[in-house]
Amino acid sequence: MKNYNTHTSLFISEKVILITGAFGLIGQTIAMSFLEQGAYVILADINFDKQKEIENKLTALSIKDRFLFQKLDITDEESCQNTVTAIVEKFGRLDVLINNAAIDAKFDQENYSSVNHSRFENYPLDLLKKSIDVNVIGTIRITQHVSRLMLKQGSGNIINVASTYSVVAPNQGLYDYGDGNQNFKPVDYVATKSFIPNFTRYIATFYARNNIRCNAIVPHAIANNHEQTFIKNFSKLSPLGRMCDREELTGPFTFLASDASSYMTGSLLTVDGGWTAW
């Protein structure tokens, strides 16, 4: 087991943590890190195509009883309730919820072809409605179900995953590859992620006297086999001059999940290489 800890307040060993969108890049990274640190982790996702691959990785860690795979559709009421019920049946409680599931137009080579590249005035509103259903209503729905459990327990910790595009607008020049075909970060992601910071403050203040905390992490540009033109554009625009390595998220997420952040609620923890600093 890796030793990430420098102070006992940073220990997350024995904490029960639910990660939505757990099969994505961020979800997998923090799930593996949490398990290596001795936490119990529920990997919840709507798409189970990657389950076998992830299960093989976890089996190699010899932590059979410390994780649970759970099919979760955060847009579905019954699916959310079934997830909470399964967690209580296996682990008896839930200490941390990480709201990571979201629709996002990613510009890495694997996902680039599925991005709608329309300009704002032509962007299909049906895609916006779909993102609202998942990124806004779905996030609220699973948080409602988890909040009921945390109220019964008398404690809880909720971590929302925001984006730099929830605090600043996209620099569309980042998506201009100089080939005459301008790409755009679409409005659906910006609109729905902009909801996260104030939702975080809402939940934080609403449940503060119930011993339930809520903070958000603001990550940006996780390196994942991007085109060299994209990397070059990003490096020019980033104060640190590079994209984020996925492992650089483990410390910030561990901090928010641990008791080291016990006096933090309603806060945004920005991990963006300085992107929003200028």
Protein backbone atom coordinates (compact mmCIF):
# COMPACT_ATOMS: atom_id res chain seq x y z
CA MET A 1 0.00 0.00 0.00
CA LYS A 2 1.33 3.41 -0.97
CA ASN A 3 2.02 5.86 1.85
CA TYR A 4 0.44 9.18 0.95
CA ASN A 5 0.05 10.34 4.53
CA THR A 6 2.06 12.95 6.39
CA HIS A 7 -0.41 13.57 9.22
CA THR A 8 -3.08 11.39 10.80
CA SER A 9 -5.81 13.85 9.79
CA LEU A 10 -5.08 12.93 6.17
CA PHE A 11 -5.84 9.25 6.73
CA ILE A 12 -8.85 8.06 4.73
CA SER A 13 -8.37 4.44 5.74
CA GLU A 14 -11.73 2.81 6.58
CA LYS A 15 -13.76 5.65 5.07
CA VAL A 16 -16.61 4.54 2.80
CA ILE A 17 -16.54 6.59 -0.41
CA LEU A 18 -19.01 6.64 -3.31
CA ILE A 19 -17.65 7.87 -6.66
CA THR A 20 -20.14 8.52 -9.45
CA GLY A 21 -18.80 8.37 -12.99
CA ALA A 22 -16.16 6.07 -11.54
CA PHE A 23 -15.12 4.48 -14.83
CA GLY A 24 -13.97 7.77 -16.35
CA LEU A 25 -10.45 9.13 -16.23
CA ILE A 26 -10.80 11.07 -12.96
CA GLY A 27 -13.04 8.43 -11.38
CA GLN A 28 -10.64 5.55 -12.00
CA THR A 29 -7.64 7.55 -10.81
CA ILE A 30 -9.08 8.56 -7.47
CA ALA A 31 -10.76 5.19 -6.92
CA MET A 32 -7.43 3.38 -7.22
CA SER A 33 -5.74 5.92 -4.99
CA PHE A 34 -8.41 5.68 -2.29
CA LEU A 35 -8.29 1.88 -2.31
CA GLU A 36 -4.50 1.94 -2.03
CA GLN A 37 -4.92 4.16 1.02
CA GLY A 38 -7.24 1.68 2.73
CA ALA A 39 -10.64 3.20 2.00
CA TYR A 40 -13.77 1.30 0.99
CA VAL A 41 -14.85 2.47 -2.46
CA ILE A 42 -18.10 2.17 -4.39
CA LEU A 43 -17.38 2.54 -8.11
CA ALA A 44 -20.67 3.66 -9.61
CA ASP A 45 -21.22 4.28 -13.32
CA ILE A 46 -23.92 3.94 -15.96
CA ASN A 47 -21.54 2.39 -18.50
CA PHE A 48 -20.09 -0.95 -17.44
CA ASP A 49 -18.01 -1.57 -20.58
CA LYS A 50 -14.80 -1.02 -18.61
CA GLN A 51 -15.76 -3.12 -15.57
CA LYS A 52 -13.64 -6.17 -16.43
CA GLU A 53 -10.56 -4.07 -17.14
CA ILE A 54 -10.93 -2.17 -13.85
CA GLU A 55 -11.79 -5.32 -11.92
CA ASN A 56 -8.53 -6.93 -13.06
CA LYS A 57 -6.58 -3.94 -11.74
CA LEU A 58 -8.36 -4.08 -8.39
CA THR A 59 -7.95 -7.85 -8.06
CA ALA A 60 -4.20 -7.37 -8.42
CA LEU A 61 -4.30 -5.18 -5.29
CA SER A 62 -5.78 -8.05 -3.23
CA ILE A 63 -8.57 -5.84 -1.88
CA LYS A 64 -11.55 -8.01 -2.79
CA ASP A 65 -13.81 -6.90 0.07
CA ARG A 66 -12.98 -3.20 -0.07
CA PHE A 67 -14.81 -2.21 -3.24
CA LEU A 68 -18.24 -2.51 -4.80
CA PHE A 69 -19.25 -2.07 -8.44
CA GLN A 70 -22.65 -0.43 -8.75
CA LYS A 71 -24.58 0.38 -11.94
CA LEU A 72 -25.90 3.89 -11.40
CA ASP A 73 -27.95 6.19 -13.58
CA ILE A 74 -28.09 9.48 -11.69
CA THR A 75 -31.03 10.59 -13.85
CA ASP A 76 -33.14 7.71 -12.51
CA GLU A 77 -34.77 7.86 -9.07
CA GLU A 78 -34.89 4.09 -8.53
CA SER A 79 -31.27 3.65 -9.60
CA CYS A 80 -30.13 6.24 -7.05
CA GLN A 81 -32.11 4.60 -4.27
CA ASN A 82 -30.85 1.13 -5.19
CA THR A 83 -27.28 2.43 -5.01
CA VAL A 84 -27.72 3.86 -1.51
CA THR A 85 -29.41 0.65 -0.37
CA ALA A 86 -26.58 -1.51 -1.77
CA ILE A 87 -23.98 0.64 0.01
CA VAL A 88 -25.73 0.35 3.37
CA GLU A 89 -26.15 -3.41 2.94
CA LYS A 90 -22.45 -3.96 2.20
CA PHE A 91 -20.70 -1.30 4.29
CA GLY A 92 -23.32 -0.07 6.76
CA ARG A 93 -22.72 3.62 6.09
CA LEU A 94 -21.42 6.19 3.61
CA ASP A 95 -18.82 8.76 4.64
CA VAL A 96 -18.08 10.56 1.37
CA LEU A 97 -19.96 11.20 -1.87
CA ILE A 98 -17.96 12.39 -4.88
CA ASN A 99 -20.25 13.83 -7.57
CA ASN A 100 -18.08 13.11 -10.58
CA ALA A 101 -20.58 11.84 -13.18
CA ALA A 102 -21.15 14.34 -15.98
CA ILE A 103 -21.46 14.80 -19.72
CA ASP A 104 -18.38 16.54 -21.08
CA ALA A 105 -17.15 17.30 -24.59
CA LYS A 106 -13.59 15.95 -24.36
CA PHE A 107 -10.92 16.85 -26.89
CA ASP A 108 -8.59 13.87 -26.43
CA GLN A 109 -8.11 11.60 -29.44
CA GLU A 110 -10.52 8.93 -28.15
CA ASN A 111 -13.47 11.31 -27.70
CA TYR A 112 -12.82 14.09 -30.23
CA SER A 113 -15.02 12.62 -32.97
CA SER A 114 -18.10 12.64 -30.70
CA VAL A 115 -17.87 16.37 -29.89
CA ASN A 116 -20.47 18.64 -31.49
CA HIS A 117 -18.39 21.44 -33.00
CA SER A 118 -21.25 23.86 -33.73
CA ARG A 119 -20.89 27.55 -33.01
CA PHE A 120 -23.03 28.84 -30.14
CA GLU A 121 -25.79 30.24 -32.40
CA ASN A 122 -26.20 26.83 -34.04
CA TYR A 123 -25.73 24.57 -31.01
CA PRO A 124 -28.57 21.99 -30.70
CA LEU A 125 -30.67 22.71 -27.63
CA ASP A 126 -31.54 19.03 -27.30
CA LEU A 127 -27.90 18.44 -26.31
CA LEU A 128 -28.15 21.22 -23.74
CA LYS A 129 -31.28 19.63 -22.27
CA LYS A 130 -29.50 16.27 -22.04
CA SER A 131 -26.56 17.84 -20.19
CA ILE A 132 -28.92 19.63 -17.80
CA ASP A 133 -30.66 16.33 -17.06
CA VAL A 134 -27.35 14.68 -16.12
CA ASN A 135 -25.03 17.42 -14.87
CA VAL A 136 -27.62 19.44 -12.95
CA ILE A 137 -30.74 17.39 -12.17
CA GLY A 138 -28.84 14.10 -11.88
CA THR A 139 -26.29 15.63 -9.51
CA ILE A 140 -29.09 17.02 -7.37
CA ARG A 141 -30.97 13.71 -7.40
CA ILE A 142 -28.10 11.52 -6.16
CA THR A 143 -27.16 14.18 -3.60
CA GLN A 144 -30.71 14.14 -2.25
CA HIS A 145 -30.62 10.37 -1.75
CA VAL A 146 -27.20 10.47 -0.11
CA SER A 147 -28.13 13.43 2.08
CA ARG A 148 -31.02 11.46 3.59
CA LEU A 149 -28.60 8.73 4.59
CA MET A 150 -26.04 11.19 5.96
CA LEU A 151 -28.72 12.91 8.04
CA LYS A 152 -29.58 9.55 9.61
CA GLN A 153 -25.89 8.90 10.29
CA GLY A 154 -25.36 12.36 11.74
CA SER A 155 -22.39 13.11 9.48
CA GLY A 156 -21.19 13.21 5.90
CA ASN A 157 -18.87 14.75 3.35
CA ILE A 158 -19.85 15.70 -0.21
CA ILE A 159 -17.30 16.61 -2.87
CA ASN A 160 -18.53 18.05 -6.15
CA VAL A 161 -16.39 18.05 -9.27
CA ALA A 162 -16.55 21.43 -10.97
CA SER A 163 -14.39 22.77 -13.82
CA THR A 164 -12.42 25.86 -14.65
CA TYR A 165 -15.30 26.51 -17.04
CA SER A 166 -17.56 26.86 -14.03
CA VAL A 167 -15.60 29.96 -12.98
CA VAL A 168 -14.23 31.37 -16.28
CA ALA A 169 -15.26 31.17 -19.93
CA PRO A 170 -13.40 28.88 -22.34
CA ASN A 171 -10.60 30.39 -24.36
CA GLN A 172 -11.86 29.12 -27.70
CA GLY A 173 -8.42 29.71 -29.20
CA LEU A 174 -7.35 26.55 -27.36
CA TYR A 175 -9.48 24.55 -29.79
CA ASP A 176 -8.19 26.23 -32.96
CA TYR A 177 -5.74 23.81 -34.56
CA GLY A 178 -4.86 26.14 -37.42
CA ASP A 179 -6.37 23.88 -40.10
CA GLY A 180 -9.23 26.24 -40.98
CA ASN A 181 -11.76 24.25 -38.96
CA GLN A 182 -12.34 26.12 -35.70
CA ASN A 183 -13.53 23.88 -32.87
CA PHE A 184 -15.49 25.12 -29.87
CA LYS A 185 -15.99 24.02 -26.28
CA PRO A 186 -19.80 23.78 -26.33
CA VAL A 187 -22.18 25.84 -24.23
CA ASP A 188 -23.91 22.85 -22.57
CA TYR A 189 -20.82 22.00 -20.51
CA VAL A 190 -20.17 25.62 -19.51
CA ALA A 191 -23.81 26.21 -18.55
CA THR A 192 -24.18 23.07 -16.46
CA LYS A 193 -20.77 23.15 -14.77
CA SER A 194 -21.36 26.79 -13.80
CA PHE A 195 -24.09 25.44 -11.53
CA ILE A 196 -21.63 23.45 -9.39
CA PRO A 197 -19.93 26.23 -7.35
CA ASN A 198 -23.17 27.74 -6.07
CA PHE A 199 -24.77 24.32 -5.59
CA THR A 200 -21.75 23.51 -3.43
CA ARG A 201 -22.33 26.63 -1.33
CA TYR A 202 -26.04 25.85 -1.10
CA ILE A 203 -25.51 22.33 0.23
CA ALA A 204 -22.67 23.47 2.50
CA THR A 205 -24.77 26.12 4.25
CA PHE A 206 -27.98 24.08 4.21
CA TYR A 207 -26.43 21.14 6.09
CA ALA A 208 -23.67 22.87 8.06
CA ARG A 209 -25.46 22.37 11.39
CA ASN A 210 -26.10 18.72 10.53
CA ASN A 211 -22.37 17.88 10.44
CA ILE A 212 -22.45 17.44 6.65
CA ARG A 213 -19.75 19.28 4.71
CA CYS A 214 -19.71 20.09 1.00
CA ASN A 215 -16.79 21.37 -1.07
CA ALA A 216 -15.86 21.29 -4.74
CA ILE A 217 -12.68 20.56 -6.62
CA VAL A 218 -11.91 22.51 -9.80
CA PRO A 219 -9.68 20.41 -12.09
CA HIS A 220 -8.58 21.32 -15.60
CA ALA A 221 -7.13 19.61 -18.66
CA ILE A 222 -6.21 16.09 -17.56
CA ALA A 223 -3.68 14.73 -20.05
CA ASN A 224 -5.14 11.79 -21.95
CA ASN A 225 -3.56 11.18 -25.36
CA HIS A 226 -4.40 14.60 -26.81
CA GLU A 227 -3.33 15.79 -30.25
CA GLN A 228 0.03 17.55 -30.27
CA THR A 229 -1.58 20.74 -31.59
CA PHE A 230 -3.93 20.80 -28.60
CA ILE A 231 -1.04 20.22 -26.20
CA LYS A 232 0.97 22.99 -27.85
CA ASN A 233 -1.97 25.43 -27.64
CA PHE A 234 -2.60 24.54 -24.01
CA SER A 235 1.03 24.93 -23.02
CA LYS A 236 1.07 28.48 -24.38
CA LEU A 237 -2.05 29.45 -22.42
CA SER A 238 -1.22 27.74 -19.11
CA PRO A 239 0.96 29.47 -16.48
CA LEU A 240 2.62 26.14 -15.67
CA GLY A 241 3.00 25.43 -19.38
CA ARG A 242 1.61 21.90 -19.33
CA MET A 243 -1.48 19.75 -18.82
CA CYS A 244 -2.35 17.99 -15.57
CA ASP A 245 -1.12 14.48 -14.88
CA ARG A 246 -4.02 12.44 -13.51
CA GLU A 247 -2.00 11.41 -10.44
CA GLU A 248 -1.79 15.10 -9.44
CA LEU A 249 -5.48 14.89 -8.51
CA THR A 250 -5.02 12.24 -5.81
CA GLY A 251 -3.64 14.64 -3.20
CA PRO A 252 -6.39 17.28 -3.54
CA PHE A 253 -9.15 14.66 -3.54
CA THR A 254 -7.61 12.89 -0.54
CA PHE A 255 -7.41 16.19 1.32
CA LEU A 256 -11.10 16.97 0.76
CA ALA A 257 -12.15 13.41 1.62
CA SER A 258 -10.10 13.41 4.82
CA ASP A 259 -10.53 15.07 8.20
CA ALA A 260 -7.67 17.42 7.30
CA SER A 261 -10.32 19.56 5.58
CA SER A 262 -12.74 19.38 8.52
CA TYR A 263 -13.06 23.17 8.83
CA MET A 264 -13.74 23.60 5.10
CA THR A 265 -17.24 23.76 3.69
CA GLY A 266 -18.62 25.69 0.74
CA SER A 267 -15.11 26.06 -0.71
CA LEU A 268 -13.63 25.54 -4.17
CA LEU A 269 -10.24 23.84 -4.35
CA THR A 270 -8.71 24.82 -7.69
CA VAL A 271 -6.26 22.45 -9.40
CA ASP A 272 -5.72 24.07 -12.78
CA GLY A 273 -2.03 24.89 -13.16
CA GLY A 274 -2.85 28.56 -12.74
CA TRP A 275 -5.30 28.67 -15.67
CA THR A 276 -7.81 30.88 -13.80
CA ALA A 277 -5.09 33.09 -12.30
CA TRP A 278 -4.82 35.26 -15.42
